[in-house]
Amino acid sequence: MADVKDKKEKQPVSSGLAVASLTVGVFGFLLAWTGVFGLPVSVIAIVFGVVALFNKQNHDLAVAGLVLGIVSLLVSFGVLVVALTSLNDTPPATAPMYNVHTYQFRNQ
């Protein structure tokens, strides 16, 4: 009877969430360069990593997924900020314009 208890206590903990965190973290890092699409995937990777750490699953995979999720979240925010600030980069009306037909600059 004591042998059965020892075997049950020594069973390895499933590392499904840790593997999911790593997989979603890699996918989120690939999508991070698109800006918007990487944000929800990165948040999911972070959540899976934190839950896997609290459940004492595979520590290395959970930390790797958590780090990838955080990095991809930062990259997504950076890409989104650059994209949104570049929308406002229109030249002023007094800037010299290049006329393609006459190959000369002109003021407008």
Protein backbone atom coordinates (compact mmCIF):
# COMPACT_ATOMS: atom_id res chain seq x y z
CA MET A 1 0.00 0.00 0.00
CA ALA A 2 2.85 2.38 0.75
CA ASP A 3 4.38 1.66 -2.66
CA VAL A 4 1.23 2.86 -4.42
CA LYS A 5 1.29 6.18 -2.54
CA ASP A 6 4.96 6.73 -3.37
CA LYS A 7 4.35 6.10 -7.07
CA LYS A 8 1.44 8.54 -7.14
CA GLU A 9 3.44 11.26 -5.41
CA LYS A 10 6.44 10.88 -7.71
CA GLN A 11 4.50 11.15 -10.96
CA PRO A 12 5.75 14.02 -13.10
CA VAL A 13 3.50 17.00 -13.43
CA SER A 14 2.07 17.57 -16.88
CA SER A 15 3.78 20.40 -18.70
CA GLY A 16 1.00 21.16 -21.19
CA LEU A 17 0.64 24.83 -20.29
CA ALA A 18 4.40 25.34 -20.33
CA VAL A 19 4.64 23.90 -23.83
CA ALA A 20 1.61 25.93 -24.90
CA SER A 21 3.23 29.07 -23.49
CA LEU A 22 6.40 28.45 -25.45
CA THR A 23 4.54 27.63 -28.66
CA VAL A 24 2.24 30.64 -28.43
CA GLY A 25 5.23 32.81 -27.46
CA VAL A 26 7.10 31.84 -30.62
CA PHE A 27 3.99 32.41 -32.72
CA GLY A 28 3.43 35.75 -30.97
CA PHE A 29 7.01 36.79 -31.67
CA LEU A 30 6.50 36.08 -35.35
CA LEU A 31 3.26 38.06 -35.36
CA ALA A 32 4.69 40.89 -33.26
CA TRP A 33 6.12 42.55 -36.34
CA THR A 34 2.60 43.11 -37.66
CA GLY A 35 1.69 45.28 -34.67
CA VAL A 36 -1.94 44.61 -33.90
CA PHE A 37 -2.07 40.85 -34.49
CA GLY A 38 0.79 40.11 -32.12
CA LEU A 39 -0.80 41.81 -29.10
CA PRO A 40 -3.46 39.22 -28.17
CA VAL A 41 -1.17 36.29 -28.93
CA SER A 42 1.53 37.78 -26.71
CA VAL A 43 -0.90 38.28 -23.85
CA ILE A 44 -2.03 34.65 -24.16
CA ALA A 45 1.60 33.47 -24.03
CA ILE A 46 2.19 35.53 -20.89
CA VAL A 47 -0.94 34.17 -19.21
CA PHE A 48 -0.03 30.56 -20.08
CA GLY A 49 3.51 31.10 -18.78
CA VAL A 50 2.37 32.57 -15.47
CA VAL A 51 -0.23 29.83 -14.92
CA ALA A 52 2.36 27.15 -15.76
CA LEU A 53 4.77 28.64 -13.22
CA PHE A 54 2.11 28.72 -10.51
CA ASN A 55 1.15 25.11 -11.28
CA LYS A 56 4.81 24.12 -10.92
CA GLN A 57 5.02 22.71 -14.43
CA ASN A 58 8.20 22.58 -16.49
CA HIS A 59 9.99 25.68 -15.24
CA ASP A 60 12.32 26.18 -18.21
CA LEU A 61 9.60 26.00 -20.85
CA ALA A 62 7.29 28.24 -18.85
CA VAL A 63 9.97 30.89 -18.37
CA ALA A 64 10.94 30.73 -22.05
CA GLY A 65 7.31 31.19 -23.09
CA LEU A 66 6.88 34.01 -20.59
CA VAL A 67 9.99 35.82 -21.83
CA LEU A 68 8.97 35.39 -25.46
CA GLY A 69 5.50 36.69 -24.65
CA ILE A 70 6.89 39.77 -22.91
CA VAL A 71 9.40 40.50 -25.68
CA SER A 72 6.77 40.07 -28.39
CA LEU A 73 4.39 42.32 -26.47
CA LEU A 74 7.04 45.05 -26.31
CA VAL A 75 7.85 44.63 -30.01
CA SER A 76 4.14 44.80 -30.88
CA PHE A 77 3.73 48.00 -28.90
CA GLY A 78 6.84 49.47 -30.53
CA VAL A 79 5.68 48.62 -34.03
CA LEU A 80 2.23 50.00 -33.26
CA VAL A 81 3.66 53.26 -31.88
CA VAL A 82 5.92 53.72 -34.91
CA ALA A 83 3.05 52.99 -37.28
CA LEU A 84 0.68 55.40 -35.56
CA THR A 85 3.22 58.21 -35.33
CA SER A 86 4.18 57.83 -38.98
CA LEU A 87 0.58 58.53 -40.00
CA ASN A 88 1.13 62.14 -38.97
CA ASP A 89 4.26 62.67 -41.07
CA THR A 90 2.65 64.62 -43.90
CA PRO A 91 4.71 67.48 -45.30
CA PRO A 92 3.43 71.00 -44.65
CA ALA A 93 1.70 72.87 -47.47
CA THR A 94 4.64 75.29 -47.84
CA ALA A 95 7.21 72.51 -48.45
CA PRO A 96 8.73 72.50 -51.91
CA MET A 97 7.18 69.83 -54.09
CA TYR A 98 8.97 67.99 -56.84
CA ASN A 99 7.18 68.13 -60.17
CA VAL A 100 7.59 64.79 -61.88
CA HIS A 101 6.66 66.16 -65.31
CA THR A 102 9.12 69.06 -65.42
CA TYR A 103 11.74 67.54 -63.08
CA GLN A 104 11.86 70.77 -61.10
CA PHE A 105 11.05 71.86 -57.59
CA ARG A 106 8.20 74.29 -57.17
CA ASN A 107 6.70 76.05 -54.19
CA GLN A 108 3.02 75.67 -53.50
